[in-house]
Amino acid sequence: MTTNSLVDHAALLAAFEAVRDNHGCAGVDGVTIGMFEKDLSVNLAGLRSELNNGTYFPLPLMKIQVAKKNGEPRGLCIPTVRDRVAQTAVLHRINPLLEREFEECSFAYRKGRSVRQAVMRIKAFHEQGVPVGG
């Protein structure tokens, strides 16, 4: 797989649409999704060029604190819209390749799989008499 095949215009456009649909905030550069979209063609072309010629580097993460339901602070690190587009384009490309490598029993960080499904699988194994746990 070459870098060029990872970052064609269609892949970057699909990635931008996924980022836009997530309604995230701006990163350290202050560029919102709306601002990025106003110059979408220019922004995607520049990002594609950087990715293809090896000069792309993500910007620093913006660190913020948000309150959890219990009032305790939770730290978040927010990438820029530009970096989310690049990362999403790569994720869309490599995810099908990686899915083939994962074990059927793997649930973490996989699209379409949940903690509830993992618990139900463990419960089913337990009910079948399969030893589970340490």
Protein backbone atom coordinates (compact mmCIF):
# COMPACT_ATOMS: atom_id res chain seq x y z
CA MET A 1 0.00 0.00 0.00
CA THR A 2 1.44 3.36 -0.95
CA THR A 3 0.80 6.72 0.63
CA ASN A 4 -0.74 7.90 -2.64
CA SER A 5 -3.39 5.20 -2.47
CA LEU A 6 -4.27 6.27 1.06
CA VAL A 7 -5.03 9.88 0.33
CA ASP A 8 -6.85 10.40 -2.94
CA HIS A 9 -9.40 13.21 -3.10
CA ALA A 10 -12.40 10.91 -2.63
CA ALA A 11 -10.90 9.41 0.54
CA LEU A 12 -10.18 12.83 2.00
CA LEU A 13 -13.65 14.09 1.10
CA ALA A 14 -15.29 11.06 2.76
CA ALA A 15 -13.07 11.60 5.79
CA PHE A 16 -14.05 15.27 6.00
CA GLU A 17 -17.73 14.34 5.83
CA ALA A 18 -17.26 11.90 8.72
CA VAL A 19 -15.44 14.56 10.76
CA ARG A 20 -18.13 17.15 9.97
CA ASP A 21 -20.90 14.73 10.97
CA ASN A 22 -19.20 14.29 14.35
CA HIS A 23 -19.67 18.02 15.16
CA GLY A 24 -16.31 18.41 16.92
CA CYS A 25 -14.67 21.65 17.97
CA ALA A 26 -11.60 23.46 16.70
CA GLY A 27 -8.11 22.41 17.76
CA VAL A 28 -5.06 24.52 18.66
CA ASP A 29 -5.16 26.33 15.31
CA GLY A 30 -8.66 27.68 16.02
CA VAL A 31 -10.01 26.37 12.69
CA THR A 32 -13.59 25.15 13.07
CA ILE A 33 -15.26 22.59 10.83
CA GLY A 34 -17.17 25.42 9.16
CA MET A 35 -14.00 27.39 8.49
CA PHE A 36 -12.28 24.30 7.06
CA GLU A 37 -15.30 23.64 4.85
CA LYS A 38 -15.36 27.19 3.43
CA ASP A 39 -12.06 26.44 1.67
CA LEU A 40 -12.61 22.69 1.42
CA SER A 41 -11.03 22.15 -2.00
CA VAL A 42 -7.91 24.12 -1.07
CA ASN A 43 -7.66 22.47 2.35
CA LEU A 44 -8.05 18.94 1.00
CA ALA A 45 -5.59 19.59 -1.83
CA GLY A 46 -3.00 20.94 0.61
CA LEU A 47 -3.49 18.05 2.99
CA ARG A 48 -3.26 15.54 0.16
CA SER A 49 -0.05 17.16 -1.08
CA GLU A 50 1.54 17.07 2.39
CA LEU A 51 0.53 13.44 2.92
CA ASN A 52 1.77 12.39 -0.51
CA ASN A 53 5.13 14.14 -0.36
CA GLY A 54 5.87 13.14 3.22
CA THR A 55 5.76 16.62 4.75
CA TYR A 56 2.59 16.12 6.79
CA PHE A 57 2.95 16.41 10.55
CA PRO A 58 0.03 16.73 12.95
CA LEU A 59 -0.26 19.87 15.01
CA PRO A 60 -0.11 19.70 18.82
CA LEU A 61 -3.25 18.60 20.62
CA MET A 62 -5.42 21.15 22.42
CA LYS A 63 -5.78 20.10 26.04
CA ILE A 64 -9.02 20.95 27.81
CA GLN A 65 -10.89 19.90 30.94
CA VAL A 66 -14.58 19.03 30.91
CA ALA A 67 -16.74 18.05 33.85
CA LYS A 68 -17.90 14.46 34.10
CA LYS A 69 -21.46 13.70 35.28
CA ASN A 70 -20.18 13.45 38.84
CA GLY A 71 -18.54 16.87 38.55
CA GLU A 72 -14.96 15.60 38.46
CA PRO A 73 -12.73 16.97 35.70
CA ARG A 74 -11.89 14.86 32.70
CA GLY A 75 -8.96 15.78 30.49
CA LEU A 76 -9.42 15.74 26.73
CA CYS A 77 -6.88 16.25 23.97
CA ILE A 78 -8.44 17.68 20.79
CA PRO A 79 -6.73 17.36 17.40
CA THR A 80 -7.27 19.99 14.72
CA VAL A 81 -9.95 19.47 12.07
CA ARG A 82 -7.17 19.03 9.50
CA ASP A 83 -5.54 16.27 11.55
CA ARG A 84 -8.88 14.55 12.18
CA VAL A 85 -9.50 14.50 8.41
CA ALA A 86 -6.06 12.99 7.73
CA GLN A 87 -6.41 10.41 10.50
CA THR A 88 -9.95 9.46 9.47
CA ALA A 89 -8.88 8.99 5.83
CA VAL A 90 -6.12 6.62 6.92
CA LEU A 91 -8.45 4.81 9.33
CA HIS A 92 -11.03 4.25 6.59
CA ARG A 93 -8.32 2.79 4.38
CA ILE A 94 -6.58 0.48 6.87
CA ASN A 95 -9.54 -0.62 8.99
CA PRO A 96 -10.76 -3.33 6.56
CA LEU A 97 -7.20 -4.68 6.34
CA LEU A 98 -6.85 -4.81 10.12
CA GLU A 99 -10.29 -6.34 10.68
CA ARG A 100 -9.10 -9.49 8.90
CA GLU A 101 -6.32 -9.84 11.47
CA PHE A 102 -8.43 -9.47 14.62
CA GLU A 103 -9.68 -12.49 16.53
CA GLU A 104 -13.43 -13.03 16.66
CA CYS A 105 -13.24 -12.64 20.46
CA SER A 106 -11.78 -9.12 20.20
CA PHE A 107 -14.29 -6.37 20.94
CA ALA A 108 -12.33 -3.28 22.00
CA TYR A 109 -12.21 -0.27 19.66
CA ARG A 110 -13.97 -2.11 16.82
CA LYS A 111 -16.83 -0.61 14.87
CA GLY A 112 -20.06 -2.47 15.44
CA ARG A 113 -18.85 -4.13 18.63
CA SER A 114 -19.66 -3.07 22.17
CA VAL A 115 -18.93 -3.77 25.80
CA ARG A 116 -22.42 -5.25 26.06
CA GLN A 117 -21.65 -7.74 23.27
CA ALA A 118 -18.42 -8.74 25.00
CA VAL A 119 -20.25 -9.30 28.28
CA MET A 120 -22.92 -11.36 26.53
CA ARG A 121 -20.21 -13.49 24.88
CA ILE A 122 -18.53 -14.11 28.24
CA LYS A 123 -21.89 -14.95 29.81
CA ALA A 124 -22.63 -17.46 27.02
CA PHE A 125 -19.23 -19.11 27.50
CA HIS A 126 -19.83 -19.29 31.26
CA GLU A 127 -23.25 -20.88 30.73
CA GLN A 128 -21.63 -23.48 28.44
CA GLY A 129 -19.20 -24.38 31.21
CA VAL A 130 -16.19 -22.77 29.57
CA PRO A 131 -13.85 -21.44 32.28
CA VAL A 132 -13.69 -17.66 32.11
CA GLY A 133 -11.53 -15.31 34.11
CA GLY A 134 -8.19 -15.62 35.84
